[in-house]
């Protein structure tokens, strides 16, 4: 009997398909409708830091250089009050085989797929992760399929996404290109079921444990060079895996006082699944269109329980504008001689004003760079924006309006960050946990889990529940 490939039928089989394609028995970690054993899942389903480092050495991943941005640091100090302007360093993840930190994320998944005898690997992504999966699969001699959202309904694609498609194909992957909409997840499920391939999900314990080496390495490198821990590590935030994995590695290195600061491009008002908005955003990752919804409800992914849980780790969350990232990309190239792609430069754009908060003897680490290419270059993106009716001009970046105008700063001193209210996001997450799980009464175990998942006190969680009118079990007290 042929498989029923209707959207509804495939979605009904999603649990069975994902179970076979990932091989993790998530049910053993689930405690209640809300609570699950997060650390137990990471330890049992993932790999130890030592094992991950061994896996990554086999394919040339990791041990990337930490570079001091001396010219940018000097400019920061010139635009700071006397005695302020922390030293800025960058972890040059473009030195990885496919040119981004995503190689770390892919390395463990592909190793595991090979070890478990899967015939190939599949990833659904429009970003650098596809190139990383394709590269690692080539090294492990595994067939690879990458499913991407590339076009709007006119079959017009962003230059950055098209560049990433080219990169995936260069590594020998089969790239399935789709228009924006719900087809991405559906097509991934259909292909996983048809091929029996491994689901190299961005959100599995394999992917997150692969990033832990990044946080661990950068702390060790800062200590060796400067004899202290970084004050801030600035991490570009999208789906949450970058923040989660890096922070876990920093904690495993013992840097408990280092502040983890997430940074996203502000794309407020643009809907990521909208055909109209798809080509009106100049950034395919590292923006609030992913950063906010994935923070407030991480379990919206292709796995039952997401291992990327950014609210567990972020001390602050800030945004920058599109124009500021393009400006900083040029600054990086012309002052430091490093031409790098936009995702890593999102955190650099944030690190510059954040460094002004700190004395000169402190250290701020930008935790990634990424490769650049023709489609990722600012000129390609800005030309595409103009062709889509977006105004591009020089001026005050605070006047930037996502989808309508991109304002390039006139001066280095104009670079700034906008604080995101983390507690507001945490309240939204708790509300989502209640509503999406259809919970009427919350137990003590669930309160403890929500406190851990939001990096807050149990009293904070109880107050939010009270505000929501949710009953707290008497056993919770």
Protein backbone atom coordinates (compact mmCIF):
# COMPACT_ATOMS: atom_id res chain seq x y z
CA UNK A 1 0.00 0.00 0.00
CA UNK A 2 1.54 3.38 -0.98
CA UNK A 3 2.32 5.91 1.71
CA UNK A 4 -0.19 8.71 2.21
CA UNK A 5 1.88 11.81 1.38
CA UNK A 6 -0.80 14.38 2.13
CA UNK A 7 0.35 17.15 4.46
CA UNK A 8 -2.03 16.02 7.21
CA UNK A 9 -0.94 12.37 7.04
CA UNK A 10 2.77 13.18 7.09
CA UNK A 11 2.32 15.49 10.07
CA UNK A 12 0.51 12.73 11.93
CA UNK A 13 3.53 10.45 11.35
CA UNK A 14 6.06 13.09 12.35
CA UNK A 15 6.84 11.53 15.76
CA UNK A 16 7.53 8.13 14.27
CA UNK A 17 9.59 9.60 11.42
CA UNK A 18 11.72 11.76 13.73
CA UNK A 19 12.29 8.89 16.16
CA UNK A 20 13.71 6.67 13.40
CA UNK A 21 15.72 9.51 11.88
CA UNK A 22 17.41 10.58 15.11
CA UNK A 23 17.51 7.47 17.27
CA UNK A 24 16.88 9.30 20.57
CA UNK A 25 14.18 7.97 22.87
CA UNK A 26 12.99 11.32 24.17
CA UNK A 27 10.24 9.75 26.27
CA UNK A 28 12.73 8.53 28.86
CA UNK A 29 13.63 12.13 29.70
CA UNK A 30 10.09 13.53 29.91
CA UNK A 31 8.84 13.93 33.50
CA UNK A 32 5.57 15.85 33.12
CA UNK A 33 3.79 17.81 30.42
CA UNK A 34 6.17 20.69 31.10
CA UNK A 35 9.25 19.29 32.83
CA UNK A 36 11.93 17.07 31.37
CA UNK A 37 15.42 15.99 32.42
CA UNK A 38 17.46 18.43 30.34
CA UNK A 39 20.88 17.61 31.75
CA UNK A 40 20.10 13.90 31.65
CA UNK A 41 19.23 14.23 27.96
CA UNK A 42 22.42 16.15 27.22
CA UNK A 43 24.62 13.64 29.05
CA UNK A 44 23.04 10.46 27.74
CA UNK A 45 22.09 11.45 24.22
CA UNK A 46 25.02 13.76 23.54
CA UNK A 47 28.78 13.33 23.77
CA UNK A 48 31.26 14.46 26.42
CA UNK A 49 33.41 17.52 25.79
CA UNK A 50 36.51 15.33 25.52
CA UNK A 51 34.88 13.02 22.98
CA UNK A 52 33.61 15.95 20.92
CA UNK A 53 37.10 17.42 20.75
CA UNK A 54 38.41 14.08 19.52
CA UNK A 55 35.65 13.85 16.88
CA UNK A 56 36.34 17.37 15.68
CA UNK A 57 40.09 16.84 15.42
CA UNK A 58 39.44 14.03 12.93
CA UNK A 59 37.89 16.45 10.43
CA UNK A 60 39.88 19.60 11.17
CA UNK A 61 37.14 21.35 13.11
CA UNK A 62 37.88 23.68 16.01
CA UNK A 63 41.06 25.07 17.57
CA UNK A 64 40.41 28.26 15.61
CA UNK A 65 42.50 31.35 16.36
CA UNK A 66 41.52 34.06 18.83
CA UNK A 67 42.42 37.39 17.23
CA UNK A 68 42.70 40.75 18.97
CA UNK A 69 41.02 43.54 17.01
CA UNK A 70 43.55 46.19 17.98
CA UNK A 71 42.48 48.88 15.52
CA UNK A 72 38.80 48.53 16.34
CA UNK A 73 39.65 48.51 20.06
CA UNK A 74 41.53 51.79 19.59
CA UNK A 75 38.48 53.35 17.92
CA UNK A 76 36.28 52.12 20.78
CA UNK A 77 38.57 53.83 23.30
CA UNK A 78 38.54 57.07 21.34
CA UNK A 79 34.73 57.08 21.51
CA UNK A 80 34.50 56.08 25.21
CA UNK A 81 34.90 58.03 28.41
CA UNK A 82 38.45 58.20 29.81
CA UNK A 83 39.77 54.84 31.00
CA UNK A 84 37.00 52.86 29.31
CA UNK A 85 36.85 50.72 26.20
CA UNK A 86 37.53 47.03 26.75
CA UNK A 87 39.83 45.08 24.46
CA UNK A 88 37.82 43.28 21.75
CA UNK A 89 38.87 39.84 20.54
CA UNK A 90 37.20 37.63 17.96
CA UNK A 91 37.16 33.85 17.65
CA UNK A 92 37.83 33.34 13.95
CA UNK A 93 35.43 30.49 13.18
CA UNK A 94 35.80 31.17 9.45
CA UNK A 95 38.93 29.00 9.82
CA UNK A 96 36.72 25.88 10.08
CA UNK A 97 36.46 23.64 6.97
CA UNK A 98 33.20 25.11 5.60
CA UNK A 99 33.81 28.55 7.05
CA UNK A 100 31.64 28.91 10.16
CA UNK A 101 31.09 27.64 13.69
CA UNK A 102 28.34 25.41 12.25
CA UNK A 103 31.07 22.87 11.44
CA UNK A 104 31.24 22.19 15.17
CA UNK A 105 27.50 21.64 15.24
CA UNK A 106 27.52 19.33 12.23
CA UNK A 107 30.61 17.34 13.19
CA UNK A 108 29.01 15.34 16.01
CA UNK A 109 25.78 14.65 14.11
CA UNK A 110 27.62 13.32 11.07
CA UNK A 111 29.98 11.25 13.23
CA UNK A 112 26.98 9.76 15.03
CA UNK A 113 25.14 9.04 11.77
CA UNK A 114 28.16 7.17 10.44
CA UNK A 115 28.66 5.29 13.70
CA UNK A 116 25.01 4.17 13.80
CA UNK A 117 24.99 2.98 10.19
CA UNK A 118 22.60 5.50 8.64
CA UNK A 119 22.81 5.49 4.82
CA UNK A 120 23.04 9.29 4.61
CA UNK A 121 22.20 12.57 6.32
CA UNK A 122 19.61 15.29 5.81
CA UNK A 123 19.28 18.82 7.19
CA UNK A 124 16.55 21.42 6.70
CA UNK A 125 18.23 24.83 6.75
CA UNK A 126 18.69 27.99 4.73
CA UNK A 127 21.97 28.88 6.40
CA UNK A 128 25.61 28.05 6.95
CA UNK A 129 24.58 24.85 8.68
CA UNK A 130 23.69 23.26 5.35
CA UNK A 131 27.22 23.86 4.08
CA UNK A 132 28.66 22.48 7.32
CA UNK A 133 26.56 19.29 7.12
CA UNK A 134 27.49 18.84 3.46
CA UNK A 135 31.19 19.34 4.21
CA UNK A 136 31.26 16.96 7.18
CA UNK A 137 29.23 14.37 5.24
CA UNK A 138 31.74 14.52 2.39
CA UNK A 139 34.57 13.87 4.85
CA UNK A 140 32.72 10.89 6.36
CA UNK A 141 31.72 9.61 2.88
CA UNK A 142 27.99 9.89 3.50
CA UNK A 143 25.37 11.06 0.96
CA UNK A 144 23.73 14.35 1.96
CA UNK A 145 20.46 16.15 1.22
CA UNK A 146 19.94 19.79 2.19
CA UNK A 147 16.37 21.17 2.12
CA UNK A 148 16.27 24.96 1.83
CA UNK A 149 13.77 27.79 1.65
CA UNK A 150 15.25 29.84 -1.19
CA UNK A 151 12.52 31.72 -3.08
CA UNK A 152 9.39 33.77 -2.67
CA UNK A 153 6.36 32.99 -4.85
CA UNK A 154 7.96 34.89 -7.75
CA UNK A 155 10.90 32.47 -7.56
CA UNK A 156 13.16 35.34 -6.56
CA UNK A 157 15.82 34.35 -4.04
CA UNK A 158 18.01 36.38 -1.70
CA UNK A 159 21.65 36.56 -2.81
CA UNK A 160 22.86 35.25 0.56
CA UNK A 161 20.64 32.15 0.44
CA UNK A 162 21.59 31.46 -3.16
CA UNK A 163 25.25 31.72 -2.16
CA UNK A 164 24.66 29.13 0.55
CA UNK A 165 22.93 26.81 -1.91
CA UNK A 166 25.99 27.05 -4.16
CA UNK A 167 28.23 26.23 -1.20
CA UNK A 168 26.20 23.13 -0.31
CA UNK A 169 26.30 21.89 -3.89
CA UNK A 170 30.06 22.48 -4.03
CA UNK A 171 30.47 19.88 -1.28
CA UNK A 172 28.42 17.37 -3.26
CA UNK A 173 25.10 17.68 -1.46
CA UNK A 174 21.75 17.35 -3.20
CA UNK A 175 19.94 20.62 -2.54
CA UNK A 176 16.14 20.68 -2.58
CA UNK A 177 15.08 24.30 -3.07
CA UNK A 178 11.64 25.43 -1.88
CA UNK A 179 9.57 28.59 -1.68
CA UNK A 180 8.89 30.12 1.73
CA UNK A 181 6.09 28.49 3.73
CA UNK A 182 5.24 25.28 5.59
CA UNK A 183 6.74 23.02 2.90
CA UNK A 184 10.23 22.98 4.47
CA UNK A 185 9.39 20.76 7.43
CA UNK A 186 6.93 18.68 5.41
CA UNK A 187 9.47 17.99 2.66
CA UNK A 188 12.17 17.14 5.19
CA UNK A 189 9.86 14.57 6.83
CA UNK A 190 8.91 13.04 3.47
CA UNK A 191 12.56 12.67 2.48
CA UNK A 192 13.63 11.29 5.87
CA UNK A 193 10.93 8.64 5.65
CA UNK A 194 11.75 7.81 2.04
CA UNK A 195 15.54 7.60 2.40
CA UNK A 196 16.04 6.39 5.98
CA UNK A 197 18.65 9.15 6.36
CA UNK A 198 19.77 10.60 9.69
CA UNK A 199 18.13 13.87 10.72
CA UNK A 200 21.09 16.19 11.34
CA UNK A 201 18.84 18.51 13.34
CA UNK A 202 20.12 21.84 14.56
CA UNK A 203 18.35 21.20 17.84
CA UNK A 204 19.51 17.75 18.96
CA UNK A 205 21.94 17.13 21.84
CA UNK A 206 24.52 16.15 19.18
CA UNK A 207 24.40 19.60 17.61
CA UNK A 208 24.55 21.50 20.89
CA UNK A 209 27.37 19.43 22.38
CA UNK A 210 29.38 20.16 19.23
CA UNK A 211 29.31 23.91 20.01
CA UNK A 212 30.49 23.48 23.61
CA UNK A 213 34.09 23.23 22.41
CA UNK A 214 33.82 26.79 21.08
CA UNK A 215 33.02 28.30 24.47
CA UNK A 216 35.61 26.12 26.19
CA UNK A 217 38.36 27.04 23.72
CA UNK A 218 37.80 30.78 23.84
CA UNK A 219 38.03 30.86 27.64
CA UNK A 220 41.26 28.84 27.57
CA UNK A 221 42.75 31.12 24.91
CA UNK A 222 41.86 34.31 26.77
CA UNK A 223 43.35 32.92 29.98
CA UNK A 224 46.56 31.87 28.25
CA UNK A 225 47.04 35.24 26.57
CA UNK A 226 45.70 37.69 29.15
CA UNK A 227 45.67 35.78 32.44
CA UNK A 228 41.98 36.39 33.10
CA UNK A 229 38.49 35.44 31.93
CA UNK A 230 36.52 37.55 29.45
CA UNK A 231 34.05 39.95 31.03
CA UNK A 232 31.55 39.56 28.18
CA UNK A 233 31.13 36.97 25.45
CA UNK A 234 28.82 38.28 22.73
CA UNK A 235 26.97 35.59 20.79
CA UNK A 236 24.85 36.07 17.68
CA UNK A 237 21.41 34.74 18.63
CA UNK A 238 18.96 33.09 16.23
CA UNK A 239 17.53 29.66 17.04
CA UNK A 240 19.36 29.48 20.37
CA UNK A 241 21.93 26.75 19.70
CA UNK A 242 24.83 29.17 19.38
CA UNK A 243 24.08 30.78 22.75
CA UNK A 244 23.35 27.46 24.47
CA UNK A 245 26.38 25.52 23.25
CA UNK A 246 28.84 28.39 23.72
CA UNK A 247 27.56 29.15 27.22
CA UNK A 248 27.74 25.51 28.26
CA UNK A 249 31.35 25.37 27.10
CA UNK A 250 32.20 28.57 28.96
CA UNK A 251 30.71 27.11 32.15
CA UNK A 252 32.61 23.83 31.64
CA UNK A 253 35.79 25.92 31.46
CA UNK A 254 34.90 27.33 34.88
CA UNK A 255 34.30 30.94 33.76
CA UNK A 256 31.28 31.43 35.99
CA UNK A 257 31.51 35.24 36.09
CA UNK A 258 31.65 35.77 32.32
CA UNK A 259 28.44 37.41 31.09
CA UNK A 260 26.72 35.76 28.11
CA UNK A 261 25.17 38.42 25.89
CA UNK A 262 22.97 37.43 22.96
CA UNK A 263 22.81 39.80 19.97
CA UNK A 264 20.35 39.87 17.07
CA UNK A 265 19.58 42.15 14.15
CA UNK A 266 16.31 43.96 14.83
CA UNK A 267 13.81 42.83 12.19
CA UNK A 268 10.73 43.76 14.23
CA UNK A 269 7.60 43.81 12.12
CA UNK A 270 8.78 41.35 9.47
CA UNK A 271 7.27 37.86 9.47
CA UNK A 272 9.75 35.12 8.62
CA UNK A 273 7.17 32.88 6.94
CA UNK A 274 5.55 35.69 4.96
CA UNK A 275 5.90 35.58 1.19
CA UNK A 276 5.73 39.39 1.15
CA UNK A 277 8.41 39.85 3.83
CA UNK A 278 10.74 37.04 2.73
CA UNK A 279 12.88 39.24 0.47
CA UNK A 280 12.46 42.42 2.50
CA UNK A 281 14.91 41.25 5.17
CA UNK A 282 18.61 41.53 4.45
CA UNK A 283 19.62 38.90 7.02
CA UNK A 284 18.80 35.19 6.84
CA UNK A 285 19.92 34.41 10.38
CA UNK A 286 20.93 36.11 13.62
CA UNK A 287 17.81 38.27 13.71
CA UNK A 288 14.83 38.77 16.01
CA UNK A 289 12.55 36.84 13.65
CA UNK A 290 14.24 33.72 15.00
CA UNK A 291 15.75 35.02 18.24
CA UNK A 292 12.51 36.04 19.95
CA UNK A 293 10.18 33.14 19.01
CA UNK A 294 12.85 30.49 19.67
CA UNK A 295 13.61 32.02 23.06
CA UNK A 296 9.96 32.19 24.08
CA UNK A 297 9.10 28.73 22.79
CA UNK A 298 12.16 26.57 21.97
CA UNK A 299 10.13 23.38 21.37
CA UNK A 300 8.81 24.67 18.03
CA UNK A 301 11.42 22.56 16.22
CA UNK A 302 11.87 19.24 14.42
CA UNK A 303 12.65 17.36 17.65
CA UNK A 304 10.33 16.62 20.61
CA UNK A 305 12.54 18.49 23.08
CA UNK A 306 14.93 21.17 21.89
CA UNK A 307 18.45 21.02 23.32
CA UNK A 308 18.90 24.72 22.46
CA UNK A 309 17.41 26.66 25.37
CA UNK A 310 18.86 30.19 25.34
CA UNK A 311 16.94 31.61 28.32
CA UNK A 312 18.85 29.16 30.54
CA UNK A 313 22.07 31.00 29.73
CA UNK A 314 21.65 34.59 28.50
CA UNK A 315 22.51 37.32 30.97
CA UNK A 316 21.49 40.04 28.50
CA UNK A 317 19.91 40.20 25.06
CA UNK A 318 20.55 43.19 22.79
CA UNK A 319 19.67 44.16 19.24
CA UNK A 320 21.49 46.12 16.55
CA UNK A 321 20.21 47.54 13.26
CA UNK A 322 20.78 46.25 9.74
CA UNK A 323 22.77 49.32 8.75
CA UNK A 324 25.11 48.94 11.71
CA UNK A 325 26.00 45.37 10.74
CA UNK A 326 26.76 46.40 7.15
CA UNK A 327 28.87 49.31 8.48
CA UNK A 328 30.81 47.07 10.86
CA UNK A 329 31.43 44.55 8.07
CA UNK A 330 33.25 47.31 6.18
CA UNK A 331 35.08 48.44 9.33
CA UNK A 332 36.28 44.88 9.96
CA UNK A 333 37.60 44.58 6.40
CA UNK A 334 39.24 48.00 6.15
CA UNK A 335 40.68 48.33 9.66
CA UNK A 336 41.53 44.73 10.50
CA UNK A 337 42.05 43.28 7.01
CA UNK A 338 39.42 40.59 7.64
CA UNK A 339 36.51 40.27 5.23
CA UNK A 340 33.90 38.17 6.99
CA UNK A 341 30.20 37.41 6.61
CA UNK A 342 27.22 39.10 8.26
CA UNK A 343 26.19 36.65 11.01
CA UNK A 344 29.37 36.98 13.07
CA UNK A 345 29.47 40.71 12.43
CA UNK A 346 26.09 41.01 14.15
CA UNK A 347 27.77 40.21 17.46
CA UNK A 348 30.72 42.46 16.57
CA UNK A 349 28.33 45.36 15.94
CA UNK A 350 26.96 44.78 19.44
CA UNK A 351 30.38 44.23 21.04
CA UNK A 352 31.60 47.70 20.09
CA UNK A 353 29.09 49.70 22.19
CA UNK A 354 29.17 47.01 24.89
CA UNK A 355 32.96 47.40 25.18
CA UNK A 356 32.44 51.10 25.97
CA UNK A 357 30.71 50.05 29.21
CA UNK A 358 33.86 48.41 30.57
CA UNK A 359 37.31 49.62 31.73
CA UNK A 360 40.22 49.25 29.33
CA UNK A 361 41.67 46.26 31.17
CA UNK A 362 38.57 44.10 30.56
CA UNK A 363 38.05 41.79 27.59
CA UNK A 364 35.05 41.33 25.30
CA UNK A 365 35.04 38.29 23.02
CA UNK A 366 33.04 38.14 19.81
CA UNK A 367 32.50 34.42 19.67
CA UNK A 368 32.38 33.84 15.92
CA UNK A 369 33.20 34.94 12.43
CA UNK A 370 31.93 33.30 9.24
CA UNK A 371 33.12 33.03 5.65
CA UNK A 372 31.92 35.54 3.12
CA UNK A 373 31.08 35.18 -0.55
CA UNK A 374 29.55 37.12 -3.42
CA UNK A 375 25.98 36.77 -2.14
CA UNK A 376 26.90 37.64 1.44
CA UNK A 377 28.74 40.85 0.63
CA UNK A 378 27.09 44.08 1.81
CA UNK A 379 26.91 45.47 -1.72
CA UNK A 380 24.98 42.44 -2.97
CA UNK A 381 22.54 42.67 -0.07
CA UNK A 382 22.06 46.43 -0.32
CA UNK A 383 21.54 46.29 -4.09
CA UNK A 384 18.93 43.56 -3.57
CA UNK A 385 17.24 45.68 -0.88
CA UNK A 386 17.00 48.63 -3.25
CA UNK A 387 15.48 46.43 -5.97
CA UNK A 388 12.81 45.41 -3.45
CA UNK A 389 11.87 49.01 -2.77
CA UNK A 390 13.82 49.53 0.46
CA UNK A 391 15.46 52.90 1.02
CA UNK A 392 19.21 52.71 1.68
CA UNK A 393 20.90 55.84 3.00
CA UNK A 394 23.54 57.18 5.38
CA UNK A 395 22.37 58.76 8.63
CA UNK A 396 21.35 57.92 12.18
CA UNK A 397 20.96 54.10 12.50
CA UNK A 398 18.18 54.64 15.05
CA UNK A 399 16.02 55.68 12.08
CA UNK A 400 16.29 52.21 10.52
CA UNK A 401 12.85 50.65 9.82
CA UNK A 402 12.99 46.90 8.96
CA UNK A 403 11.50 46.23 5.54
CA UNK A 404 11.35 49.94 4.68
CA UNK A 405 14.75 51.56 5.24
CA UNK A 406 18.35 50.59 5.97
CA UNK A 407 20.34 53.44 7.53
CA UNK A 408 24.14 53.15 7.45
CA UNK A 409 25.85 55.04 10.32
CA UNK A 410 27.71 58.24 9.45
CA UNK A 411 30.20 57.77 12.26
CA UNK A 412 31.67 55.01 14.45
CA UNK A 413 30.35 56.73 17.57
CA UNK A 414 26.75 56.10 16.44
CA UNK A 415 27.01 52.33 16.96
CA UNK A 416 24.66 51.36 19.76
CA UNK A 417 22.63 48.48 21.19
CA UNK A 418 19.02 48.30 22.30
CA UNK A 419 18.29 46.19 25.36
CA UNK A 420 15.63 43.51 25.05
CA UNK A 421 13.60 42.95 28.20
CA UNK A 422 14.65 39.40 29.09
CA UNK A 423 12.07 39.12 31.83
CA UNK A 424 9.34 39.89 29.34
CA UNK A 425 10.62 37.05 27.15
CA UNK A 426 10.73 34.75 30.17
CA UNK A 427 7.14 35.55 31.03
CA UNK A 428 6.17 34.78 27.43
CA UNK A 429 8.02 31.47 27.62
CA UNK A 430 6.21 30.47 30.82
CA UNK A 431 2.86 31.43 29.27
CA UNK A 432 3.66 29.33 26.19
CA UNK A 433 4.67 26.37 28.36
CA UNK A 434 1.27 26.54 30.06
CA UNK A 435 -0.87 27.16 26.98
CA UNK A 436 0.83 24.84 24.49
CA UNK A 437 0.87 21.97 26.97
CA UNK A 438 -2.72 22.74 28.05
CA UNK A 439 -1.79 22.71 31.72
CA UNK A 440 -4.34 23.79 34.34
CA UNK A 441 -2.27 23.15 37.48
CA UNK A 442 1.48 23.35 37.94
CA UNK A 443 3.48 21.07 40.23
CA UNK A 444 6.60 21.80 42.27
CA UNK A 445 8.72 19.84 39.80
CA UNK A 446 7.39 21.97 36.96
CA UNK A 447 8.09 25.18 38.85
CA UNK A 448 11.68 24.07 39.44
CA UNK A 449 12.07 23.20 35.75
CA UNK A 450 10.66 26.56 34.61
CA UNK A 451 13.00 28.35 37.02
CA UNK A 452 15.99 26.49 35.53
CA UNK A 453 14.79 27.04 31.97
CA UNK A 454 14.50 30.79 32.52
CA UNK A 455 17.52 31.29 34.83
CA UNK A 456 15.18 32.78 37.42
CA UNK A 457 14.02 32.05 40.95
CA UNK A 458 11.07 29.82 41.78
CA UNK A 459 9.44 32.91 43.30
CA UNK A 460 9.59 34.65 39.93
CA UNK A 461 7.94 31.66 38.25
CA UNK A 462 5.21 31.49 40.89
CA UNK A 463 4.48 35.20 40.45
CA UNK A 464 4.16 34.80 36.67
CA UNK A 465 1.83 31.82 37.15
CA UNK A 466 -0.26 33.84 39.60
CA UNK A 467 -0.48 36.70 37.07
CA UNK A 468 -1.62 34.18 34.45
CA UNK A 469 -4.27 32.83 36.80
CA UNK A 470 -2.71 29.34 36.79
CA UNK A 471 -3.24 27.17 39.85
CA UNK A 472 -0.14 26.02 41.71
CA UNK A 473 -0.36 22.60 43.35
CA UNK A 474 -0.31 22.63 47.15
CA UNK A 475 2.59 20.16 46.93
CA UNK A 476 4.66 22.87 45.24
CA UNK A 477 5.06 24.75 48.53
